[in-house]
Amino acid sequence: MASGLVASLAQPGGNVTGTTHFIPELSAKQLELLKDAIPGLTDVAVLLNPANPVNEPVVPVMRQTAHSLKMELHQFGVRGPAELEDAFAAMAAKQVGALAIIDDATLIANAVGIAKLASEERLPASGWPDFAVAGGLMGYGVNYLDLFRRAASFVDKILKGTKPSDIPVERATKFETILNLKTAKALGIEMPISLLLRADEVIE
């Protein structure tokens, strides 16, 4: 809605409909998961692309969540892979205890490099689900396979004559948590049983 593509979720209007998810909520959940894994965590870095306007509503929500968890948030921006090493050097200088990454196409494309830098700095890091697969400590986000399946129902309705403007936009309802125990062991982190039980996938 903020982008102006639809008037509202219930009545999108125009010629656009589909599924959506809200990055502020997903990013805030990353902080909760990091706190669950590291109860004594007090300082968290947030890595984002400052050129991405989607971040504007995300950071305030993350700060609010961090405050409720008695943590301080430190923001670090990178516009491309060439800036990653400097960002991690700044995190090390700030002595942050963990890292949360806001979804962004540029950062997602450099997941392996980010996970490697986090490992070198011994920094527990959380991002989108596949970030854990790339070597990060954990990942949390939308189950895109479920979204793709649900997209077929929109296509079916439109092909049968329903106008997109009359089809409510649906919010994502399935999310997944992936934990990388190999990374946890390398960082000396023992994942709580409660967190392991909530995980959809555990990488060993």
N, C-alpha and C. Protein backbone atom coordinates (compact mmCIF):
# COMPACT_ATOMS: atom_id res chain seq x y z
N MET A 1 0.82 -1.21 0.00
CA MET A 1 0.00 0.00 0.00
C MET A 1 0.86 1.26 0.00
N ALA A 2 1.96 1.19 0.76
CA ALA A 2 2.83 2.37 0.82
C ALA A 2 3.42 2.70 -0.53
N SER A 3 3.59 1.68 -1.36
CA SER A 3 4.16 1.90 -2.69
C SER A 3 3.15 2.45 -3.67
N GLY A 4 1.86 2.41 -3.29
CA GLY A 4 0.82 2.93 -4.16
C GLY A 4 0.30 1.94 -5.19
N LEU A 5 0.76 0.69 -5.11
CA LEU A 5 0.31 -0.31 -6.09
C LEU A 5 -1.14 -0.69 -5.88
N VAL A 6 -1.59 -0.72 -4.63
CA VAL A 6 -2.98 -1.05 -4.32
C VAL A 6 -3.54 -0.04 -3.33
N ALA A 7 -4.87 0.13 -3.39
CA ALA A 7 -5.54 1.06 -2.48
C ALA A 7 -5.60 0.48 -1.07
N SER A 8 -5.91 -0.81 -0.98
CA SER A 8 -5.95 -1.52 0.30
C SER A 8 -5.84 -3.01 0.01
N LEU A 9 -5.61 -3.80 1.04
CA LEU A 9 -5.51 -5.25 0.84
C LEU A 9 -6.86 -5.84 0.47
N ALA A 10 -7.90 -5.37 1.13
CA ALA A 10 -9.24 -5.91 0.87
C ALA A 10 -9.79 -5.49 -0.49
N GLN A 11 -9.50 -4.26 -0.90
CA GLN A 11 -9.99 -3.75 -2.18
C GLN A 11 -8.82 -3.09 -2.91
N PRO A 12 -8.02 -3.89 -3.60
CA PRO A 12 -6.80 -3.36 -4.23
C PRO A 12 -7.05 -2.31 -5.30
N GLY A 13 -8.19 -2.42 -6.01
CA GLY A 13 -8.46 -1.46 -7.09
C GLY A 13 -7.47 -1.65 -8.23
N GLY A 14 -7.56 -0.83 -9.24
CA GLY A 14 -6.60 -0.89 -10.36
C GLY A 14 -6.55 -2.26 -11.01
N ASN A 15 -5.35 -2.67 -11.36
CA ASN A 15 -5.18 -3.93 -12.10
C ASN A 15 -4.14 -4.83 -11.43
N VAL A 16 -4.02 -4.71 -10.09
CA VAL A 16 -3.00 -5.46 -9.36
C VAL A 16 -3.63 -6.19 -8.17
N THR A 17 -3.22 -7.43 -7.97
CA THR A 17 -3.57 -8.19 -6.77
C THR A 17 -2.49 -9.23 -6.56
N GLY A 18 -2.64 -10.09 -5.57
CA GLY A 18 -1.63 -11.12 -5.33
C GLY A 18 -1.42 -11.36 -3.86
N THR A 19 -0.20 -11.74 -3.50
CA THR A 19 0.15 -11.99 -2.11
C THR A 19 1.22 -11.01 -1.66
N THR A 20 1.30 -10.80 -0.37
CA THR A 20 2.28 -9.86 0.15
C THR A 20 2.78 -10.32 1.51
N HIS A 21 3.90 -9.78 1.93
CA HIS A 21 4.39 -9.98 3.29
C HIS A 21 5.02 -8.68 3.76
N PHE A 22 5.13 -8.51 5.06
CA PHE A 22 5.56 -7.25 5.61
C PHE A 22 6.95 -7.38 6.23
N ILE A 23 7.92 -6.79 5.57
CA ILE A 23 9.32 -6.90 5.97
C ILE A 23 9.57 -6.38 7.39
N PRO A 24 8.93 -5.29 7.85
CA PRO A 24 9.20 -4.84 9.22
C PRO A 24 8.96 -5.92 10.26
N GLU A 25 7.87 -6.65 10.11
CA GLU A 25 7.55 -7.70 11.07
C GLU A 25 8.56 -8.84 11.01
N LEU A 26 8.95 -9.22 9.79
CA LEU A 26 9.90 -10.30 9.61
C LEU A 26 11.27 -9.92 10.19
N SER A 27 11.69 -8.70 9.95
CA SER A 27 12.99 -8.24 10.44
C SER A 27 13.00 -8.15 11.97
N ALA A 28 11.89 -7.72 12.55
CA ALA A 28 11.79 -7.64 14.00
C ALA A 28 11.85 -9.03 14.62
N LYS A 29 11.27 -10.01 13.93
CA LYS A 29 11.29 -11.38 14.44
C LYS A 29 12.71 -11.92 14.48
N GLN A 30 13.56 -11.48 13.57
CA GLN A 30 14.96 -11.89 13.59
C GLN A 30 15.62 -11.53 14.92
N LEU A 31 15.30 -10.35 15.42
CA LEU A 31 15.88 -9.90 16.69
C LEU A 31 15.43 -10.80 17.84
N GLU A 32 14.17 -11.20 17.81
CA GLU A 32 13.64 -12.08 18.85
C GLU A 32 14.35 -13.43 18.82
N LEU A 33 14.59 -13.96 17.63
CA LEU A 33 15.25 -15.25 17.50
C LEU A 33 16.71 -15.17 17.97
N LEU A 34 17.38 -14.07 17.63
CA LEU A 34 18.76 -13.90 18.09
C LEU A 34 18.81 -13.82 19.61
N LYS A 35 17.86 -13.12 20.20
CA LYS A 35 17.81 -13.01 21.66
C LYS A 35 17.53 -14.36 22.30
N ASP A 36 16.69 -15.17 21.65
CA ASP A 36 16.41 -16.52 22.16
C ASP A 36 17.68 -17.37 22.14
N ALA A 37 18.47 -17.22 21.08
CA ALA A 37 19.68 -18.01 20.93
C ALA A 37 20.80 -17.52 21.85
N ILE A 38 20.82 -16.20 22.08
CA ILE A 38 21.87 -15.58 22.88
C ILE A 38 21.20 -14.68 23.93
N PRO A 39 20.74 -15.24 25.02
CA PRO A 39 19.98 -14.48 26.03
C PRO A 39 20.67 -13.22 26.54
N GLY A 40 22.00 -13.24 26.61
CA GLY A 40 22.73 -12.09 27.14
C GLY A 40 23.03 -11.02 26.12
N LEU A 41 22.48 -11.15 24.93
CA LEU A 41 22.75 -10.21 23.84
C LEU A 41 22.24 -8.80 24.18
N THR A 42 23.11 -7.79 24.01
CA THR A 42 22.71 -6.41 24.31
C THR A 42 22.90 -5.45 23.14
N ASP A 43 23.80 -5.78 22.21
CA ASP A 43 24.07 -4.90 21.08
C ASP A 43 23.98 -5.68 19.77
N VAL A 44 23.13 -5.20 18.85
CA VAL A 44 22.91 -5.90 17.58
C VAL A 44 23.14 -4.95 16.42
N ALA A 45 23.87 -5.43 15.43
CA ALA A 45 24.06 -4.66 14.20
C ALA A 45 22.92 -4.98 13.23
N VAL A 46 22.52 -4.00 12.47
CA VAL A 46 21.54 -4.20 11.40
C VAL A 46 22.20 -3.82 10.09
N LEU A 47 22.27 -4.78 9.18
CA LEU A 47 22.86 -4.54 7.87
C LEU A 47 21.76 -4.31 6.86
N LEU A 48 21.86 -3.20 6.13
CA LEU A 48 20.81 -2.87 5.16
C LEU A 48 21.40 -2.13 3.97
N ASN A 49 20.61 -2.04 2.92
CA ASN A 49 20.98 -1.26 1.74
C ASN A 49 20.28 0.09 1.83
N PRO A 50 21.00 1.18 2.13
CA PRO A 50 20.37 2.48 2.31
C PRO A 50 19.71 3.03 1.05
N ALA A 51 20.04 2.42 -0.10
CA ALA A 51 19.43 2.87 -1.36
C ALA A 51 18.06 2.25 -1.59
N ASN A 52 17.68 1.31 -0.73
CA ASN A 52 16.39 0.63 -0.88
C ASN A 52 15.33 1.34 -0.03
N PRO A 53 14.31 1.96 -0.67
CA PRO A 53 13.30 2.72 0.08
C PRO A 53 12.43 1.85 0.98
N VAL A 54 12.44 0.54 0.74
CA VAL A 54 11.64 -0.37 1.57
C VAL A 54 12.10 -0.34 3.03
N ASN A 55 13.37 0.03 3.25
CA ASN A 55 13.91 0.02 4.60
C ASN A 55 13.32 1.11 5.50
N GLU A 56 12.74 2.13 4.90
CA GLU A 56 12.28 3.29 5.68
C GLU A 56 11.34 2.90 6.83
N PRO A 57 10.32 2.04 6.60
CA PRO A 57 9.46 1.67 7.72
C PRO A 57 10.00 0.52 8.55
N VAL A 58 11.08 -0.13 8.08
CA VAL A 58 11.58 -1.32 8.76
C VAL A 58 12.38 -0.99 10.01
N VAL A 59 13.32 -0.08 9.89
CA VAL A 59 14.23 0.22 11.00
C VAL A 59 13.49 0.69 12.26
N PRO A 60 12.49 1.59 12.17
CA PRO A 60 11.79 1.99 13.39
C PRO A 60 11.13 0.82 14.13
N VAL A 61 10.57 -0.12 13.38
CA VAL A 61 9.94 -1.29 14.00
C VAL A 61 11.00 -2.15 14.68
N MET A 62 12.15 -2.29 14.04
CA MET A 62 13.23 -3.07 14.64
C MET A 62 13.76 -2.39 15.90
N ARG A 63 13.85 -1.07 15.88
CA ARG A 63 14.33 -0.35 17.07
C ARG A 63 13.35 -0.53 18.24
N GLN A 64 12.08 -0.50 17.93
CA GLN A 64 11.06 -0.69 18.97
C GLN A 64 11.17 -2.09 19.57
N THR A 65 11.36 -3.09 18.71
CA THR A 65 11.51 -4.46 19.19
C THR A 65 12.78 -4.61 20.00
N ALA A 66 13.88 -4.02 19.52
CA ALA A 66 15.14 -4.09 20.24
C ALA A 66 15.01 -3.48 21.63
N HIS A 67 14.33 -2.35 21.71
CA HIS A 67 14.12 -1.68 23.00
C HIS A 67 13.35 -2.60 23.96
N SER A 68 12.33 -3.27 23.45
CA SER A 68 11.53 -4.16 24.30
C SER A 68 12.35 -5.36 24.78
N LEU A 69 13.38 -5.72 24.00
CA LEU A 69 14.24 -6.84 24.36
C LEU A 69 15.49 -6.38 25.12
N LYS A 70 15.52 -5.08 25.45
CA LYS A 70 16.66 -4.49 26.17
C LYS A 70 17.96 -4.64 25.37
N MET A 71 17.85 -4.34 24.09
CA MET A 71 19.02 -4.37 23.22
C MET A 71 19.15 -3.03 22.51
N GLU A 72 20.39 -2.71 22.13
CA GLU A 72 20.63 -1.49 21.36
C GLU A 72 20.95 -1.87 19.92
N LEU A 73 20.36 -1.11 18.99
CA LEU A 73 20.53 -1.38 17.57
C LEU A 73 21.57 -0.44 16.97
N HIS A 74 22.45 -1.00 16.14
CA HIS A 74 23.47 -0.21 15.46
C HIS A 74 23.33 -0.44 13.95
N GLN A 75 23.12 0.61 13.21
CA GLN A 75 22.80 0.50 11.79
C GLN A 75 24.04 0.63 10.90
N PHE A 76 24.17 -0.28 9.94
CA PHE A 76 25.29 -0.26 9.00
C PHE A 76 24.73 -0.44 7.58
N GLY A 77 25.11 0.45 6.69
CA GLY A 77 24.58 0.40 5.33
C GLY A 77 25.62 0.01 4.30
N VAL A 78 25.20 -0.80 3.34
CA VAL A 78 26.06 -1.15 2.20
C VAL A 78 25.21 -1.11 0.93
N ARG A 79 25.75 -0.50 -0.11
CA ARG A 79 25.04 -0.42 -1.38
C ARG A 79 25.48 -1.50 -2.37
N GLY A 80 26.54 -2.21 -2.02
CA GLY A 80 27.05 -3.24 -2.91
C GLY A 80 28.13 -4.05 -2.21
N PRO A 81 28.58 -5.15 -2.81
CA PRO A 81 29.57 -6.03 -2.19
C PRO A 81 30.89 -5.36 -1.86
N ALA A 82 31.26 -4.31 -2.59
CA ALA A 82 32.53 -3.64 -2.34
C ALA A 82 32.55 -2.95 -0.97
N GLU A 83 31.39 -2.71 -0.39
CA GLU A 83 31.31 -2.01 0.88
C GLU A 83 31.17 -2.96 2.08
N LEU A 84 31.07 -4.25 1.82
CA LEU A 84 30.81 -5.20 2.90
C LEU A 84 31.95 -5.29 3.91
N GLU A 85 33.18 -5.38 3.44
CA GLU A 85 34.31 -5.53 4.36
C GLU A 85 34.42 -4.33 5.31
N ASP A 86 34.20 -3.14 4.78
CA ASP A 86 34.26 -1.95 5.63
C ASP A 86 33.14 -1.97 6.67
N ALA A 87 31.97 -2.45 6.25
CA ALA A 87 30.83 -2.51 7.18
C ALA A 87 31.13 -3.47 8.32
N PHE A 88 31.71 -4.62 8.01
CA PHE A 88 32.03 -5.59 9.06
C PHE A 88 33.16 -5.10 9.95
N ALA A 89 34.09 -4.36 9.38
CA ALA A 89 35.15 -3.78 10.19
C ALA A 89 34.56 -2.78 11.19
N ALA A 90 33.56 -2.03 10.74
CA ALA A 90 32.90 -1.06 11.61
C ALA A 90 32.11 -1.78 12.71
N MET A 91 31.50 -2.91 12.36
CA MET A 91 30.78 -3.70 13.37
C MET A 91 31.74 -4.20 14.45
N ALA A 92 32.90 -4.66 14.00
CA ALA A 92 33.90 -5.17 14.95
C ALA A 92 34.37 -4.05 15.88
N ALA A 93 34.55 -2.85 15.32
CA ALA A 93 34.98 -1.71 16.13
C ALA A 93 33.91 -1.33 17.16
N LYS A 94 32.65 -1.55 16.78
CA LYS A 94 31.53 -1.23 17.66
C LYS A 94 31.29 -2.33 18.68
N GLN A 95 31.91 -3.47 18.46
CA GLN A 95 31.80 -4.63 19.35
C GLN A 95 30.36 -5.09 19.53
N VAL A 96 29.66 -5.19 18.41
CA VAL A 96 28.29 -5.70 18.47
C VAL A 96 28.33 -7.20 18.73
N GLY A 97 27.23 -7.71 19.28
CA GLY A 97 27.19 -9.13 19.64
C GLY A 97 26.55 -10.02 18.62
N ALA A 98 25.83 -9.44 17.66
CA ALA A 98 25.14 -10.23 16.64
C ALA A 98 24.73 -9.33 15.49
N LEU A 99 24.25 -9.94 14.42
CA LEU A 99 23.88 -9.19 13.22
C LEU A 99 22.54 -9.66 12.68
N ALA A 100 21.67 -8.71 12.36
CA ALA A 100 20.40 -8.99 11.68
C ALA A 100 20.45 -8.31 10.33
N ILE A 101 20.02 -9.00 9.28
CA ILE A 101 20.11 -8.48 7.92
C ILE A 101 18.71 -8.26 7.36
N ILE A 102 18.46 -7.06 6.85
CA ILE A 102 17.18 -6.74 6.25
C ILE A 102 17.17 -7.22 4.80
N ASP A 103 16.10 -7.92 4.41
CA ASP A 103 15.98 -8.45 3.05
C ASP A 103 16.22 -7.36 2.00
N ASP A 104 17.07 -7.66 1.07
CA ASP A 104 17.37 -6.75 -0.04
C ASP A 104 18.00 -7.58 -1.15
N ALA A 105 17.65 -7.30 -2.40
CA ALA A 105 18.16 -8.10 -3.52
C ALA A 105 19.68 -8.14 -3.56
N THR A 106 20.32 -7.00 -3.29
CA THR A 106 21.78 -6.94 -3.32
C THR A 106 22.39 -7.80 -2.23
N LEU A 107 21.83 -7.74 -1.03
CA LEU A 107 22.36 -8.51 0.08
C LEU A 107 22.09 -10.00 -0.11
N ILE A 108 20.91 -10.33 -0.61
CA ILE A 108 20.58 -11.73 -0.86
C ILE A 108 21.54 -12.33 -1.89
N ALA A 109 21.88 -11.55 -2.90
CA ALA A 109 22.80 -12.02 -3.94
C ALA A 109 24.20 -12.26 -3.39
N ASN A 110 24.51 -11.66 -2.25
CA ASN A 110 25.85 -11.80 -1.64
C ASN A 110 25.79 -12.55 -0.32
N ALA A 111 24.82 -13.45 -0.19
CA ALA A 111 24.60 -14.18 1.06
C ALA A 111 25.84 -14.96 1.50
N VAL A 112 26.47 -15.66 0.58
CA VAL A 112 27.64 -16.47 0.93
C VAL A 112 28.78 -15.59 1.45
N GLY A 113 29.01 -14.46 0.78
CA GLY A 113 30.07 -13.55 1.20
C GLY A 113 29.78 -12.94 2.56
N ILE A 114 28.52 -12.60 2.80
CA ILE A 114 28.14 -12.01 4.09
C ILE A 114 28.31 -13.04 5.20
N ALA A 115 27.87 -14.28 4.94
CA ALA A 115 28.00 -15.34 5.94
C ALA A 115 29.47 -15.60 6.25
N LYS A 116 30.32 -15.54 5.24
CA LYS A 116 31.76 -15.77 5.43
C LYS A 116 32.37 -14.67 6.29
N LEU A 117 32.01 -13.41 6.01
CA LEU A 117 32.53 -12.30 6.80
C LEU A 117 32.05 -12.38 8.24
N ALA A 118 30.79 -12.77 8.42
CA ALA A 118 30.24 -12.91 9.77
C ALA A 118 31.01 -14.00 10.52
N SER A 119 31.31 -15.08 9.83
CA SER A 119 32.07 -16.17 10.46
C SER A 119 33.47 -15.71 10.85
N GLU A 120 34.12 -14.97 9.97
CA GLU A 120 35.48 -14.48 10.25
C GLU A 120 35.49 -13.55 11.46
N GLU A 121 34.41 -12.78 11.63
CA GLU A 121 34.31 -11.86 12.76
C GLU A 121 33.68 -12.53 13.98
N ARG A 122 33.37 -13.84 13.84
CA ARG A 122 32.71 -14.61 14.90
C ARG A 122 31.43 -13.90 15.35
N LEU A 123 30.64 -13.53 14.36
CA LEU A 123 29.43 -12.76 14.60
C LEU A 123 28.19 -13.60 14.26
N PRO A 124 27.38 -13.95 15.25
CA PRO A 124 26.13 -14.67 14.97
C PRO A 124 25.24 -13.80 14.09
N ALA A 125 24.79 -14.34 12.97
CA ALA A 125 24.02 -13.53 12.02
C ALA A 125 22.72 -14.21 11.63
N SER A 126 21.69 -13.38 11.45
CA SER A 126 20.37 -13.85 11.04
C SER A 126 19.89 -13.09 9.82
N GLY A 127 19.23 -13.81 8.90
CA GLY A 127 18.69 -13.17 7.70
C GLY A 127 17.48 -13.92 7.20
N TRP A 128 17.25 -13.90 5.91
CA TRP A 128 16.15 -14.64 5.28
C TRP A 128 16.46 -16.13 5.41
N PRO A 129 15.47 -17.03 5.19
CA PRO A 129 15.69 -18.47 5.41
C PRO A 129 16.94 -19.03 4.74
N ASP A 130 17.16 -18.74 3.46
CA ASP A 130 18.31 -19.31 2.75
C ASP A 130 19.65 -18.77 3.24
N PHE A 131 19.63 -17.73 4.06
CA PHE A 131 20.89 -17.21 4.61
C PHE A 131 21.53 -18.25 5.51
N ALA A 132 20.70 -19.01 6.24
CA ALA A 132 21.24 -20.08 7.08
C ALA A 132 21.86 -21.17 6.21
N VAL A 133 21.27 -21.43 5.07
CA VAL A 133 21.81 -22.42 4.13
C VAL A 133 23.17 -21.95 3.60
N ALA A 134 23.31 -20.63 3.44
CA ALA A 134 24.56 -20.05 2.92
C ALA A 134 25.67 -20.02 3.96
N GLY A 135 25.33 -20.36 5.22
CA GLY A 135 26.35 -20.39 6.26
C GLY A 135 26.08 -19.49 7.45
N GLY A 136 24.99 -18.70 7.39
CA GLY A 136 24.63 -17.86 8.52
C GLY A 136 24.12 -18.69 9.68
N LEU A 137 24.03 -18.11 10.86
CA LEU A 137 23.56 -18.85 12.03
C LEU A 137 22.11 -19.27 11.90
N MET A 138 21.28 -18.35 11.43
CA MET A 138 19.85 -18.65 11.33
C MET A 138 19.19 -17.83 10.24
N GLY A 139 18.03 -18.32 9.81
CA GLY A 139 17.25 -17.60 8.82
C GLY A 139 15.77 -17.69 9.17
N TYR A 140 15.05 -16.62 8.90
CA TYR A 140 13.61 -16.60 9.18
C TYR A 140 12.92 -15.78 8.11
N GLY A 141 11.79 -16.26 7.65
CA GLY A 141 11.05 -15.49 6.65
C GLY A 141 9.89 -16.25 6.05
N VAL A 142 9.38 -15.70 4.97
CA VAL A 142 8.22 -16.26 4.29
C VAL A 142 8.59 -17.57 3.60
N ASN A 143 7.65 -18.50 3.65
CA ASN A 143 7.79 -19.74 2.89
C ASN A 143 7.31 -19.43 1.46
N TYR A 144 8.26 -19.15 0.58
CA TYR A 144 7.92 -18.71 -0.77
C TYR A 144 7.28 -19.82 -1.60
N LEU A 145 7.59 -21.06 -1.30
CA LEU A 145 6.97 -22.17 -2.03
C LEU A 145 5.46 -22.13 -1.83
N ASP A 146 5.04 -21.82 -0.59
CA ASP A 146 3.62 -21.72 -0.31
C ASP A 146 3.00 -20.54 -1.07
N LEU A 147 3.73 -19.41 -1.14
CA LEU A 147 3.21 -18.25 -1.88
C LEU A 147 3.05 -18.58 -3.36
N PHE A 148 4.02 -19.30 -3.92
CA PHE A 148 3.95 -19.64 -5.33
C PHE A 148 2.75 -20.54 -5.61
N ARG A 149 2.47 -21.46 -4.68
CA ARG A 149 1.32 -22.34 -4.85
C ARG A 149 0.02 -21.55 -4.80
N ARG A 150 -0.04 -20.59 -3.88
CA ARG A 150 -1.26 -19.81 -3.74
C ARG A 150 -1.46 -18.87 -4.92
N ALA A 151 -0.37 -18.50 -5.58
CA ALA A 151 -0.48 -17.62 -6.74
C ALA A 151 -1.32 -18.25 -7.84
N ALA A 152 -1.32 -19.58 -7.90
CA ALA A 152 -2.10 -20.28 -8.93
C ALA A 152 -3.59 -19.99 -8.79
N SER A 153 -4.05 -19.78 -7.54
CA SER A 153 -5.48 -19.52 -7.35
C SER A 153 -5.87 -18.15 -7.91
N PHE A 154 -4.94 -17.19 -7.86
CA PHE A 154 -5.20 -15.87 -8.43
C PHE A 154 -5.30 -15.98 -9.95
N VAL A 155 -4.40 -16.72 -10.53
CA VAL A 155 -4.41 -16.91 -11.98
C VAL A 155 -5.72 -17.56 -12.41
N ASP A 156 -6.15 -18.57 -11.64
CA ASP A 156 -7.39 -19.28 -11.97
C ASP A 156 -8.59 -18.35 -11.94
N LYS A 157 -8.69 -17.50 -10.91
CA LYS A 157 -9.82 -16.58 -10.80
C LYS A 157 -9.83 -15.57 -11.95
N ILE A 158 -8.65 -15.05 -12.28
CA ILE A 158 -8.56 -14.04 -13.35
C ILE A 158 -8.91 -14.66 -14.70
N LEU A 159 -8.44 -15.87 -14.94
CA LEU A 159 -8.75 -16.55 -16.20
C LEU A 159 -10.24 -16.86 -16.33
N LYS A 160 -10.90 -16.97 -15.18
CA LYS A 160 -12.35 -17.24 -15.18
C LYS A 160 -13.17 -15.96 -15.22
N GLY A 161 -12.48 -14.80 -15.33
CA GLY A 161 -13.19 -13.55 -15.54
C GLY A 161 -13.24 -12.57 -14.39
N THR A 162 -12.71 -12.95 -13.22
CA THR A 162 -12.73 -12.02 -12.09
C THR A 162 -11.68 -10.93 -12.31
N LYS A 163 -12.07 -9.68 -12.06
CA LYS A 163 -11.13 -8.57 -12.22
C LYS A 163 -10.13 -8.57 -11.06
N PRO A 164 -8.86 -8.29 -11.34
CA PRO A 164 -7.86 -8.22 -10.26
C PRO A 164 -8.27 -7.25 -9.16
N SER A 165 -8.95 -6.17 -9.53
CA SER A 165 -9.36 -5.17 -8.54
C SER A 165 -10.37 -5.71 -7.54
N ASP A 166 -11.02 -6.84 -7.90
CA ASP A 166 -12.02 -7.44 -7.01
C ASP A 166 -11.48 -8.61 -6.20
N ILE A 167 -10.20 -8.91 -6.35
CA ILE A 167 -9.59 -10.03 -5.63
C ILE A 167 -8.70 -9.48 -4.51
N PRO A 168 -9.07 -9.69 -3.24
CA PRO A 168 -8.27 -9.16 -2.13
C PRO A 168 -6.82 -9.67 -2.16
N VAL A 169 -5.91 -8.78 -1.80
CA VAL A 169 -4.51 -9.17 -1.65
C VAL A 169 -4.38 -10.00 -0.38
N GLU A 170 -3.70 -11.14 -0.46
CA GLU A 170 -3.56 -12.02 0.70
C GLU A 170 -2.19 -11.85 1.34
N ARG A 171 -2.18 -11.85 2.65
CA ARG A 171 -0.92 -11.80 3.38
C ARG A 171 -0.35 -13.21 3.51
N ALA A 172 0.96 -13.30 3.54
CA ALA A 172 1.62 -14.59 3.74
C ALA A 172 1.22 -15.15 5.10
N THR A 173 0.99 -16.44 5.16
CA THR A 173 0.58 -17.08 6.41
C THR A 173 1.55 -18.16 6.87
N LYS A 174 2.44 -18.59 5.99
CA LYS A 174 3.41 -19.61 6.36
C LYS A 174 4.82 -19.03 6.36
N PHE A 175 5.52 -19.27 7.46
CA PHE A 175 6.87 -18.77 7.62
C PHE A 175 7.77 -19.93 8.03
N GLU A 176 9.07 -19.77 7.82
CA GLU A 176 9.97 -20.86 8.17
C GLU A 176 11.21 -20.34 8.90
N THR A 177 11.67 -21.16 9.82
CA THR A 177 12.88 -20.87 10.58
C THR A 177 13.90 -21.96 10.29
N ILE A 178 15.10 -21.56 9.88
CA ILE A 178 16.17 -22.51 9.60
C ILE A 178 17.36 -22.18 10.50
N LEU A 179 17.87 -23.17 11.18
CA LEU A 179 19.00 -23.01 12.07
C LEU A 179 20.20 -23.79 11.53
N ASN A 180 21.38 -23.19 11.61
CA ASN A 180 22.59 -23.85 11.14
C ASN A 180 23.44 -24.23 12.36
N LEU A 181 23.34 -25.50 12.77
CA LEU A 181 24.06 -25.94 13.95
C LEU A 181 25.56 -26.03 13.72
N LYS A 182 25.96 -26.23 12.47
CA LYS A 182 27.39 -26.26 12.15
C LYS A 182 28.00 -24.89 12.46
N THR A 183 27.28 -23.83 12.06
CA THR A 183 27.75 -22.47 12.34
C THR A 183 27.69 -22.18 13.82
N ALA A 184 26.62 -22.64 14.48
CA ALA A 184 26.48 -22.43 15.92
C ALA A 184 27.65 -23.04 16.68
N LYS A 185 28.04 -24.26 16.28
CA LYS A 185 29.16 -24.94 16.93
C LYS A 185 30.46 -24.17 16.73
N ALA A 186 30.67 -23.66 15.51
CA ALA A 186 31.87 -22.90 15.21
C ALA A 186 31.94 -21.62 16.03
N LEU A 187 30.77 -21.06 16.36
CA LEU A 187 30.71 -19.81 17.13
C LEU A 187 30.64 -20.06 18.64
N GLY A 188 30.56 -21.34 19.02
CA GLY A 188 30.48 -21.67 20.44
C GLY A 188 29.11 -21.39 21.03
N ILE A 189 28.07 -21.46 20.20
CA ILE A 189 26.71 -21.19 20.67
C ILE A 189 25.94 -22.51 20.78
N GLU A 190 25.35 -22.74 21.93
CA GLU A 190 24.51 -23.92 22.11
C GLU A 190 23.05 -23.49 21.96
N MET A 191 22.44 -23.94 20.89
CA MET A 191 21.06 -23.54 20.61
C MET A 191 20.12 -24.12 21.67
N PRO A 192 19.24 -23.29 22.25
CA PRO A 192 18.28 -23.78 23.23
C PRO A 192 17.33 -24.81 22.60
N ILE A 193 16.94 -25.80 23.38
CA ILE A 193 16.02 -26.82 22.88
C ILE A 193 14.73 -26.19 22.39
N SER A 194 14.25 -25.16 23.09
CA SER A 194 12.99 -24.51 22.71
C SER A 194 13.07 -23.93 21.31
N LEU A 195 14.24 -23.41 20.94
CA LEU A 195 14.42 -22.84 19.60
C LEU A 195 14.54 -23.94 18.55
N LEU A 196 15.24 -25.01 18.91
CA LEU A 196 15.38 -26.15 17.99
C LEU A 196 14.03 -26.78 17.67
N LEU A 197 13.16 -26.85 18.66
CA LEU A 197 11.85 -27.45 18.46
C LEU A 197 10.97 -26.61 17.55
N ARG A 198 11.21 -25.31 17.53
CA ARG A 198 10.42 -24.40 16.69
C ARG A 198 10.92 -24.32 15.26
N ALA A 199 12.13 -24.83 15.02
CA ALA A 199 12.74 -24.72 13.70
C ALA A 199 12.06 -25.65 12.69
N ASP A 200 11.94 -25.17 11.46
CA ASP A 200 11.40 -26.00 10.38
C ASP A 200 12.49 -26.86 9.76
N GLU A 201 13.73 -26.39 9.87
CA GLU A 201 14.86 -27.14 9.34
C GLU A 201 16.09 -26.84 10.18
N VAL A 202 16.87 -27.88 10.46
CA VAL A 202 18.10 -27.73 11.21
C VAL A 202 19.24 -28.30 10.38
N ILE A 203 20.23 -27.47 10.10
CA ILE A 203 21.38 -27.88 9.30
C ILE A 203 22.48 -28.34 10.25
N GLU A 204 22.94 -29.59 10.07
CA GLU A 204 23.97 -30.14 10.97
C GLU A 204 25.25 -30.44 10.22
